[in-house]
């Protein structure tokens, strides 16, 4: 048995943020264990459409297509209780979010310069080079000239030297 696994047939579920773990009722626990929940089948492909709760929050899955349940915070979990097949199909039909906050224009070489929201915060990119937007600056107020200056500053910085690989011990 792998670490973190229980006996065969034992089902587990994470407690949603909308529930108080100390005051969890039997009905709430059974509701949590009901996921992943099959909503039906996709009319075009016949694949199952399911609502699931994952490590990054609730999502809809149909075959290889996955979309996060829209909304923020607790409202995403509340939608799990009320979402039907039609709404889930609409989410699956929507294009995947790109993370682009704003398109600024083209740089002198003709590459598109955009402001994106990334894992570590907002940044500007020309597709090859990324430059972090300094804290305190509104990413939606960045203009093309500002972005080009940030990219030029980043390009002028010397590359970080990588560490030599560790040698194996005796």
N, C-alpha and C. Protein backbone atom coordinates (compact mmCIF):
# COMPACT_ATOMS: atom_id res chain seq x y z
N UNK A 1 0.85 -1.17 0.00
CA UNK A 1 0.00 0.00 0.00
C UNK A 1 0.90 1.24 0.00
N UNK A 2 0.61 2.20 -0.87
CA UNK A 2 1.37 3.43 -0.95
C UNK A 2 1.04 4.35 0.21
N UNK A 3 1.97 5.23 0.52
CA UNK A 3 1.74 6.21 1.57
C UNK A 3 0.56 7.10 1.19
N UNK A 4 -0.34 7.36 2.12
CA UNK A 4 -1.50 8.21 1.86
C UNK A 4 -2.71 7.45 1.35
N UNK A 5 -2.53 6.17 1.05
CA UNK A 5 -3.66 5.38 0.57
C UNK A 5 -4.29 4.64 1.74
N UNK A 6 -5.58 4.49 1.67
CA UNK A 6 -6.27 3.73 2.69
C UNK A 6 -6.57 2.34 2.19
N UNK A 7 -7.32 1.59 2.94
CA UNK A 7 -7.71 0.26 2.50
C UNK A 7 -8.53 0.34 1.22
N UNK A 8 -8.50 -0.69 0.40
CA UNK A 8 -9.28 -0.69 -0.84
C UNK A 8 -10.76 -0.45 -0.55
N UNK A 9 -11.39 0.35 -1.38
CA UNK A 9 -12.81 0.63 -1.21
C UNK A 9 -13.11 1.81 -0.31
N UNK A 10 -12.10 2.32 0.41
CA UNK A 10 -12.29 3.46 1.28
C UNK A 10 -12.21 4.74 0.46
N UNK A 11 -13.24 5.55 0.53
CA UNK A 11 -13.28 6.78 -0.24
C UNK A 11 -12.97 7.95 0.66
N UNK A 12 -12.20 8.93 0.14
CA UNK A 12 -11.83 10.11 0.89
C UNK A 12 -12.23 11.35 0.12
N UNK A 13 -12.38 12.46 0.84
CA UNK A 13 -12.69 13.74 0.20
C UNK A 13 -12.15 14.87 1.06
N UNK A 14 -11.69 15.93 0.39
CA UNK A 14 -11.27 17.12 1.11
C UNK A 14 -12.49 17.91 1.54
N UNK A 15 -12.37 18.60 2.66
CA UNK A 15 -13.47 19.44 3.15
C UNK A 15 -13.38 20.78 2.43
N UNK A 16 -14.46 21.20 1.81
CA UNK A 16 -14.50 22.47 1.09
C UNK A 16 -14.39 23.63 2.07
N UNK A 17 -13.89 24.76 1.60
CA UNK A 17 -13.77 25.92 2.49
C UNK A 17 -15.11 26.46 2.98
N UNK A 18 -16.20 26.12 2.33
CA UNK A 18 -17.51 26.62 2.78
C UNK A 18 -18.03 25.83 3.97
N UNK A 19 -17.37 24.73 4.33
CA UNK A 19 -17.77 23.93 5.48
C UNK A 19 -16.77 24.12 6.61
N UNK A 20 -17.27 24.09 7.84
CA UNK A 20 -16.42 24.14 9.01
C UNK A 20 -16.09 22.69 9.39
N UNK A 21 -14.81 22.30 9.30
CA UNK A 21 -14.47 20.90 9.59
C UNK A 21 -14.89 20.45 10.99
N UNK A 22 -14.87 21.35 11.95
CA UNK A 22 -15.23 20.97 13.32
C UNK A 22 -16.73 20.74 13.46
N UNK A 23 -17.54 21.34 12.57
CA UNK A 23 -18.99 21.22 12.68
C UNK A 23 -19.59 20.47 11.48
N UNK A 24 -18.80 19.66 10.81
CA UNK A 24 -19.25 18.94 9.62
C UNK A 24 -20.34 17.93 10.00
N UNK A 25 -21.44 17.98 9.29
CA UNK A 25 -22.54 17.05 9.55
C UNK A 25 -22.41 15.83 8.64
N UNK A 26 -23.18 14.82 8.93
CA UNK A 26 -23.18 13.62 8.11
C UNK A 26 -23.63 13.93 6.69
N UNK A 27 -24.68 14.75 6.55
CA UNK A 27 -25.18 15.11 5.22
C UNK A 27 -24.11 15.84 4.41
N UNK A 28 -23.36 16.74 5.05
CA UNK A 28 -22.30 17.46 4.35
C UNK A 28 -21.18 16.50 3.95
N UNK A 29 -20.83 15.58 4.83
CA UNK A 29 -19.79 14.61 4.51
C UNK A 29 -20.20 13.71 3.35
N UNK A 30 -21.45 13.29 3.33
CA UNK A 30 -21.94 12.47 2.21
C UNK A 30 -21.95 13.26 0.91
N UNK A 31 -22.26 14.56 1.00
CA UNK A 31 -22.22 15.42 -0.19
C UNK A 31 -20.79 15.50 -0.74
N UNK A 32 -19.81 15.65 0.13
CA UNK A 32 -18.42 15.71 -0.31
C UNK A 32 -17.98 14.40 -0.97
N UNK A 33 -18.45 13.30 -0.42
CA UNK A 33 -18.08 11.99 -0.97
C UNK A 33 -18.78 11.67 -2.28
N UNK A 34 -19.77 12.48 -2.66
CA UNK A 34 -20.50 12.25 -3.91
C UNK A 34 -19.71 12.72 -5.14
N UNK A 35 -18.58 13.39 -4.92
CA UNK A 35 -17.76 13.88 -6.04
C UNK A 35 -16.60 12.95 -6.28
N UNK A 36 -16.21 12.76 -7.54
CA UNK A 36 -16.67 13.41 -8.76
C UNK A 36 -18.11 13.01 -9.09
N UNK A 37 -18.83 14.00 -9.58
CA UNK A 37 -20.25 13.85 -9.86
C UNK A 37 -20.47 13.85 -11.38
N UNK A 38 -21.11 12.81 -11.90
CA UNK A 38 -21.39 12.72 -13.33
C UNK A 38 -22.65 13.53 -13.62
N UNK A 39 -22.51 14.52 -14.51
CA UNK A 39 -23.66 15.36 -14.88
C UNK A 39 -24.42 14.81 -16.07
N UNK A 40 -23.73 14.03 -16.90
CA UNK A 40 -24.36 13.48 -18.10
C UNK A 40 -23.29 13.23 -19.15
N UNK A 41 -23.73 13.18 -20.40
CA UNK A 41 -22.81 12.92 -21.51
C UNK A 41 -22.82 14.09 -22.48
N UNK A 42 -21.64 14.36 -23.05
CA UNK A 42 -21.52 15.43 -24.04
C UNK A 42 -22.31 15.04 -25.28
N UNK A 43 -23.16 15.94 -25.80
CA UNK A 43 -24.01 15.57 -26.93
C UNK A 43 -23.24 15.25 -28.20
N UNK A 44 -22.08 15.84 -28.40
CA UNK A 44 -21.33 15.61 -29.64
C UNK A 44 -20.41 14.40 -29.54
N UNK A 45 -19.72 14.25 -28.40
CA UNK A 45 -18.72 13.19 -28.28
C UNK A 45 -19.21 11.97 -27.52
N UNK A 46 -20.21 12.14 -26.68
CA UNK A 46 -20.71 11.04 -25.87
C UNK A 46 -19.88 10.80 -24.62
N UNK A 47 -18.82 11.60 -24.41
CA UNK A 47 -17.97 11.44 -23.23
C UNK A 47 -18.70 11.95 -21.99
N UNK A 48 -18.36 11.36 -20.84
CA UNK A 48 -18.96 11.79 -19.59
C UNK A 48 -18.51 13.19 -19.22
N UNK A 49 -19.44 13.98 -18.72
CA UNK A 49 -19.14 15.32 -18.19
C UNK A 49 -19.24 15.20 -16.68
N UNK A 50 -18.13 15.52 -15.99
CA UNK A 50 -18.11 15.37 -14.54
C UNK A 50 -17.70 16.68 -13.86
N UNK A 51 -18.21 16.87 -12.68
CA UNK A 51 -17.80 17.96 -11.78
C UNK A 51 -16.88 17.34 -10.75
N UNK A 52 -15.72 17.98 -10.52
CA UNK A 52 -14.76 17.41 -9.60
C UNK A 52 -14.14 18.50 -8.74
N UNK A 53 -13.59 18.11 -7.63
CA UNK A 53 -12.86 19.02 -6.76
C UNK A 53 -11.41 18.57 -6.75
N UNK A 54 -10.51 19.46 -7.14
CA UNK A 54 -9.10 19.12 -7.20
C UNK A 54 -8.27 19.99 -6.29
N UNK A 55 -6.96 19.83 -6.35
CA UNK A 55 -6.08 20.59 -5.47
C UNK A 55 -6.12 22.10 -5.72
N UNK A 56 -6.53 22.51 -6.92
CA UNK A 56 -6.61 23.93 -7.25
C UNK A 56 -8.05 24.42 -7.31
N UNK A 57 -8.97 23.65 -6.78
CA UNK A 57 -10.36 24.06 -6.73
C UNK A 57 -11.23 23.23 -7.65
N UNK A 58 -12.51 23.57 -7.72
CA UNK A 58 -13.46 22.78 -8.50
C UNK A 58 -13.28 22.98 -10.00
N UNK A 59 -13.57 21.93 -10.76
CA UNK A 59 -13.45 21.99 -12.22
C UNK A 59 -14.42 21.04 -12.89
N UNK A 60 -14.60 21.25 -14.19
CA UNK A 60 -15.45 20.40 -15.02
C UNK A 60 -14.54 19.64 -15.96
N UNK A 61 -14.82 18.36 -16.17
CA UNK A 61 -14.00 17.54 -17.06
C UNK A 61 -14.89 16.79 -18.03
N UNK A 62 -14.43 16.76 -19.28
CA UNK A 62 -15.08 15.97 -20.33
C UNK A 62 -13.97 15.44 -21.22
N UNK A 63 -13.62 14.18 -21.05
CA UNK A 63 -12.50 13.62 -21.79
C UNK A 63 -11.22 14.32 -21.38
N UNK A 64 -10.50 14.90 -22.37
CA UNK A 64 -9.27 15.63 -22.09
C UNK A 64 -9.52 17.11 -21.80
N UNK A 65 -10.73 17.59 -22.03
CA UNK A 65 -11.06 19.00 -21.81
C UNK A 65 -11.35 19.25 -20.33
N UNK A 66 -10.67 20.24 -19.77
CA UNK A 66 -10.85 20.60 -18.36
C UNK A 66 -10.98 22.11 -18.27
N UNK A 67 -11.96 22.57 -17.50
CA UNK A 67 -12.13 24.00 -17.25
C UNK A 67 -12.43 24.20 -15.77
N UNK A 68 -11.82 25.22 -15.19
CA UNK A 68 -12.10 25.57 -13.81
C UNK A 68 -13.51 26.13 -13.71
N UNK A 69 -14.15 25.87 -12.60
CA UNK A 69 -15.45 26.48 -12.33
C UNK A 69 -15.20 27.97 -12.14
N UNK A 70 -15.88 28.82 -12.91
CA UNK A 70 -15.61 30.26 -12.80
C UNK A 70 -16.06 30.84 -11.48
N UNK A 71 -15.46 31.95 -11.12
CA UNK A 71 -15.80 32.63 -9.88
C UNK A 71 -14.58 32.73 -8.99
N UNK A 72 -14.79 33.28 -7.81
CA UNK A 72 -13.71 33.47 -6.86
C UNK A 72 -14.10 32.90 -5.51
N UNK A 73 -13.13 32.30 -4.86
CA UNK A 73 -13.31 31.85 -3.49
C UNK A 73 -14.44 30.86 -3.30
N UNK A 74 -15.22 31.14 -2.25
CA UNK A 74 -16.27 30.21 -1.85
C UNK A 74 -17.39 30.06 -2.87
N UNK A 75 -17.60 31.08 -3.72
CA UNK A 75 -18.69 30.98 -4.70
C UNK A 75 -18.45 29.85 -5.70
N UNK A 76 -17.18 29.50 -5.94
CA UNK A 76 -16.88 28.38 -6.85
C UNK A 76 -17.40 27.07 -6.26
N UNK A 77 -17.25 26.91 -4.95
CA UNK A 77 -17.71 25.68 -4.30
C UNK A 77 -19.24 25.66 -4.21
N UNK A 78 -19.83 26.82 -4.03
CA UNK A 78 -21.30 26.88 -4.00
C UNK A 78 -21.87 26.49 -5.36
N UNK A 79 -21.16 26.83 -6.45
CA UNK A 79 -21.62 26.47 -7.79
C UNK A 79 -21.60 24.96 -8.02
N UNK A 80 -20.74 24.25 -7.31
CA UNK A 80 -20.71 22.79 -7.46
C UNK A 80 -22.07 22.17 -7.12
N UNK A 81 -22.75 22.77 -6.17
CA UNK A 81 -24.04 22.23 -5.72
C UNK A 81 -25.15 22.48 -6.73
N UNK A 82 -25.03 23.54 -7.55
CA UNK A 82 -26.15 23.95 -8.41
C UNK A 82 -25.89 23.77 -9.91
N UNK A 83 -24.69 23.43 -10.30
CA UNK A 83 -24.35 23.34 -11.72
C UNK A 83 -25.02 22.14 -12.37
N UNK A 84 -25.58 22.39 -13.55
CA UNK A 84 -26.17 21.33 -14.34
C UNK A 84 -25.36 21.07 -15.60
N UNK A 85 -25.81 20.14 -16.41
CA UNK A 85 -25.09 19.74 -17.61
C UNK A 85 -24.95 20.91 -18.59
N UNK A 86 -26.01 21.67 -18.80
CA UNK A 86 -25.96 22.77 -19.78
C UNK A 86 -24.91 23.82 -19.40
N UNK A 87 -24.86 24.18 -18.12
CA UNK A 87 -23.89 25.17 -17.67
C UNK A 87 -22.47 24.62 -17.80
N UNK A 88 -22.27 23.36 -17.47
CA UNK A 88 -20.95 22.74 -17.58
C UNK A 88 -20.51 22.69 -19.04
N UNK A 89 -21.43 22.38 -19.95
CA UNK A 89 -21.09 22.36 -21.38
C UNK A 89 -20.70 23.75 -21.87
N UNK A 90 -21.35 24.79 -21.34
CA UNK A 90 -21.00 26.16 -21.72
C UNK A 90 -19.58 26.50 -21.25
N UNK A 91 -19.21 26.07 -20.06
CA UNK A 91 -17.85 26.31 -19.56
C UNK A 91 -16.82 25.57 -20.42
N UNK A 92 -17.16 24.34 -20.82
CA UNK A 92 -16.24 23.56 -21.64
C UNK A 92 -16.08 24.15 -23.04
N UNK A 93 -17.14 24.80 -23.54
CA UNK A 93 -17.09 25.39 -24.88
C UNK A 93 -16.30 26.69 -24.91
N UNK A 94 -16.15 27.34 -23.76
CA UNK A 94 -15.42 28.60 -23.70
C UNK A 94 -13.93 28.34 -23.95
N UNK A 95 -13.22 29.29 -24.58
CA UNK A 95 -11.79 29.09 -24.81
C UNK A 95 -11.02 29.11 -23.50
N UNK A 96 -9.90 28.41 -23.49
CA UNK A 96 -9.04 28.39 -22.30
C UNK A 96 -8.51 29.79 -22.04
N UNK A 97 -8.46 30.20 -20.78
CA UNK A 97 -7.89 31.52 -20.48
C UNK A 97 -6.40 31.55 -20.82
N UNK A 98 -5.94 32.68 -21.34
CA UNK A 98 -4.55 32.80 -21.77
C UNK A 98 -3.67 33.49 -20.75
N UNK A 99 -4.24 34.20 -19.80
CA UNK A 99 -3.45 34.93 -18.83
C UNK A 99 -3.06 36.31 -19.30
N UNK A 100 -3.46 36.67 -20.53
CA UNK A 100 -3.12 37.99 -21.06
C UNK A 100 -4.04 39.02 -20.43
N UNK A 101 -3.42 40.02 -19.79
CA UNK A 101 -4.19 41.10 -19.18
C UNK A 101 -4.42 42.24 -20.17
N UNK A 102 -3.41 42.49 -21.01
CA UNK A 102 -3.50 43.62 -21.92
C UNK A 102 -2.49 43.47 -23.05
N UNK A 103 -2.91 43.77 -24.27
CA UNK A 103 -2.00 43.79 -25.41
C UNK A 103 -1.53 45.22 -25.60
N UNK A 104 -0.21 45.41 -25.71
CA UNK A 104 0.36 46.75 -25.76
C UNK A 104 0.71 47.20 -27.17
N UNK A 105 1.03 46.29 -28.05
CA UNK A 105 1.43 46.64 -29.41
C UNK A 105 2.62 45.81 -29.83
N UNK A 106 3.38 46.32 -30.79
CA UNK A 106 4.52 45.59 -31.32
C UNK A 106 5.82 46.31 -30.96
N UNK A 107 6.86 45.52 -30.72
CA UNK A 107 8.17 46.12 -30.47
C UNK A 107 8.84 46.39 -31.81
N UNK A 108 10.02 47.03 -31.83
CA UNK A 108 10.67 47.36 -33.10
C UNK A 108 10.95 46.16 -34.01
N UNK A 109 11.11 44.97 -33.45
CA UNK A 109 11.35 43.78 -34.27
C UNK A 109 10.05 43.20 -34.82
N UNK A 110 8.90 43.71 -34.37
CA UNK A 110 7.60 43.24 -34.87
C UNK A 110 6.92 42.23 -33.96
N UNK A 111 7.55 41.91 -32.82
CA UNK A 111 6.95 40.95 -31.89
C UNK A 111 5.86 41.63 -31.06
N UNK A 112 4.81 40.89 -30.75
CA UNK A 112 3.73 41.41 -29.91
C UNK A 112 4.21 41.52 -28.47
N UNK A 113 3.94 42.67 -27.86
CA UNK A 113 4.28 42.90 -26.45
C UNK A 113 2.98 42.90 -25.67
N UNK A 114 2.91 42.04 -24.64
CA UNK A 114 1.69 41.91 -23.86
C UNK A 114 2.02 41.92 -22.37
N UNK A 115 1.01 42.27 -21.58
CA UNK A 115 1.09 42.17 -20.13
C UNK A 115 0.34 40.90 -19.75
N UNK A 116 1.00 40.03 -18.99
CA UNK A 116 0.39 38.78 -18.57
C UNK A 116 0.39 38.68 -17.05
N UNK A 117 -0.52 37.85 -16.55
CA UNK A 117 -0.57 37.57 -15.12
C UNK A 117 -0.04 36.16 -14.95
N UNK A 118 1.09 36.03 -14.28
CA UNK A 118 1.72 34.73 -14.13
C UNK A 118 1.68 34.24 -12.70
N UNK A 119 2.31 33.13 -12.50
CA UNK A 119 2.34 32.48 -11.20
C UNK A 119 2.96 33.37 -10.13
N UNK A 120 3.96 34.16 -10.53
CA UNK A 120 4.67 35.01 -9.56
C UNK A 120 4.30 36.48 -9.71
N UNK A 121 3.20 36.76 -10.37
CA UNK A 121 2.73 38.13 -10.51
C UNK A 121 2.74 38.60 -11.95
N UNK A 122 2.37 39.86 -12.17
CA UNK A 122 2.27 40.38 -13.53
C UNK A 122 3.65 40.62 -14.16
N UNK A 123 3.71 40.44 -15.48
CA UNK A 123 4.96 40.65 -16.20
C UNK A 123 4.65 41.06 -17.63
N UNK A 124 5.66 41.62 -18.31
CA UNK A 124 5.54 41.94 -19.73
C UNK A 124 6.40 40.97 -20.50
N UNK A 125 5.97 40.64 -21.70
CA UNK A 125 6.73 39.70 -22.52
C UNK A 125 6.60 40.06 -23.99
N UNK A 126 7.65 39.74 -24.73
CA UNK A 126 7.61 39.88 -26.19
C UNK A 126 7.59 38.50 -26.85
N UNK A 127 7.35 37.48 -26.06
CA UNK A 127 7.32 36.11 -26.55
C UNK A 127 8.62 35.37 -26.34
N UNK A 128 9.72 36.11 -26.16
CA UNK A 128 11.03 35.49 -25.93
C UNK A 128 11.59 35.86 -24.57
N UNK A 129 11.37 37.10 -24.16
CA UNK A 129 11.92 37.61 -22.92
C UNK A 129 10.79 38.07 -22.01
N UNK A 130 10.88 37.75 -20.75
CA UNK A 130 9.89 38.17 -19.75
C UNK A 130 10.53 39.13 -18.77
N UNK A 131 9.81 40.20 -18.42
CA UNK A 131 10.30 41.16 -17.43
C UNK A 131 9.20 41.39 -16.40
N UNK A 132 9.55 41.23 -15.14
CA UNK A 132 8.60 41.42 -14.05
C UNK A 132 8.22 42.88 -13.93
N UNK A 133 6.95 43.15 -13.71
CA UNK A 133 6.49 44.51 -13.45
C UNK A 133 6.75 44.79 -11.98
N UNK A 134 7.43 45.89 -11.66
CA UNK A 134 7.76 46.17 -10.26
C UNK A 134 6.51 46.28 -9.39
N UNK A 135 6.66 45.91 -8.13
CA UNK A 135 5.55 46.03 -7.17
C UNK A 135 5.15 47.48 -7.05
N UNK A 136 3.87 47.69 -6.85
CA UNK A 136 3.37 49.04 -6.69
C UNK A 136 2.91 49.66 -8.00
N UNK A 137 3.29 49.07 -9.13
CA UNK A 137 2.85 49.58 -10.43
C UNK A 137 1.65 48.78 -10.89
N UNK A 138 0.64 49.47 -11.35
CA UNK A 138 -0.57 48.82 -11.83
C UNK A 138 -0.28 48.22 -13.20
N UNK A 139 -0.41 46.89 -13.37
CA UNK A 139 -0.09 46.28 -14.66
C UNK A 139 -1.01 46.75 -15.79
N UNK A 140 -2.20 47.22 -15.45
CA UNK A 140 -3.11 47.70 -16.49
C UNK A 140 -2.79 49.11 -16.94
N UNK A 141 -1.88 49.80 -16.22
CA UNK A 141 -1.48 51.15 -16.58
C UNK A 141 -0.15 51.19 -17.33
N UNK A 142 0.48 50.04 -17.53
CA UNK A 142 1.76 49.97 -18.25
C UNK A 142 1.51 50.30 -19.72
N UNK A 143 2.34 51.16 -20.28
CA UNK A 143 2.27 51.52 -21.69
C UNK A 143 3.38 50.80 -22.44
N UNK A 144 3.33 50.83 -23.77
CA UNK A 144 4.31 50.13 -24.60
C UNK A 144 5.73 50.62 -24.31
N UNK A 145 5.92 51.92 -24.17
CA UNK A 145 7.27 52.45 -23.89
C UNK A 145 7.80 51.92 -22.56
N UNK A 146 6.95 51.87 -21.55
CA UNK A 146 7.34 51.33 -20.24
C UNK A 146 7.74 49.86 -20.36
N UNK A 147 6.94 49.11 -21.10
CA UNK A 147 7.20 47.68 -21.27
C UNK A 147 8.52 47.46 -22.01
N UNK A 148 8.76 48.26 -23.05
CA UNK A 148 10.01 48.11 -23.80
C UNK A 148 11.21 48.45 -22.92
N UNK A 149 11.06 49.45 -22.04
CA UNK A 149 12.14 49.79 -21.12
C UNK A 149 12.40 48.64 -20.14
N UNK A 150 11.35 48.04 -19.61
CA UNK A 150 11.52 46.90 -18.70
C UNK A 150 12.20 45.72 -19.40
N UNK A 151 11.80 45.46 -20.65
CA UNK A 151 12.40 44.36 -21.41
C UNK A 151 13.86 44.66 -21.73
N UNK A 152 14.18 45.92 -22.07
CA UNK A 152 15.57 46.29 -22.36
C UNK A 152 16.44 46.16 -21.12
N UNK A 153 15.90 46.57 -19.98
CA UNK A 153 16.64 46.46 -18.71
C UNK A 153 16.91 44.99 -18.39
N UNK A 154 15.92 44.15 -18.63
CA UNK A 154 16.08 42.71 -18.38
C UNK A 154 17.12 42.11 -19.33
N UNK A 155 17.10 42.53 -20.60
CA UNK A 155 18.04 41.99 -21.58
C UNK A 155 19.47 42.43 -21.27
N UNK A 156 19.62 43.61 -20.65
CA UNK A 156 20.96 44.12 -20.34
C UNK A 156 21.57 43.44 -19.12
N UNK A 157 20.75 42.82 -18.29
CA UNK A 157 21.27 42.14 -17.11
C UNK A 157 22.11 40.94 -17.52
N UNK A 158 23.23 40.73 -16.86
CA UNK A 158 24.02 39.54 -17.20
C UNK A 158 23.26 38.27 -16.80
N UNK A 159 23.45 37.24 -17.55
CA UNK A 159 22.78 35.97 -17.27
C UNK A 159 23.32 35.40 -15.97
N UNK A 160 22.48 34.75 -15.23
CA UNK A 160 22.91 34.10 -13.99
C UNK A 160 23.80 32.92 -14.32
N UNK A 161 24.84 32.79 -13.54
CA UNK A 161 25.70 31.62 -13.73
C UNK A 161 25.07 30.44 -13.02
N UNK A 162 25.09 29.34 -13.68
CA UNK A 162 24.53 28.14 -13.04
C UNK A 162 25.62 27.50 -12.18
N UNK A 163 25.19 26.83 -11.17
CA UNK A 163 26.12 26.14 -10.28
C UNK A 163 26.62 24.87 -10.96
N UNK A 164 27.85 24.51 -10.68
CA UNK A 164 28.33 23.24 -11.24
C UNK A 164 27.56 22.08 -10.59
N UNK A 165 27.38 21.01 -11.29
CA UNK A 165 26.64 19.87 -10.72
C UNK A 165 27.40 19.30 -9.52
N UNK A 166 26.61 18.81 -8.58
CA UNK A 166 27.21 18.19 -7.38
C UNK A 166 27.86 16.87 -7.75
N UNK A 167 28.95 16.64 -7.12
CA UNK A 167 29.61 15.34 -7.34
C UNK A 167 28.99 14.31 -6.42
N UNK A 168 28.96 13.11 -6.89
CA UNK A 168 28.41 12.02 -6.08
C UNK A 168 29.35 11.75 -4.91
N UNK A 169 28.78 11.48 -3.78
CA UNK A 169 29.56 11.20 -2.58
C UNK A 169 30.26 9.86 -2.65
N UNK A 170 31.25 9.67 -1.78
CA UNK A 170 31.99 8.38 -1.78
C UNK A 170 31.16 7.22 -1.35
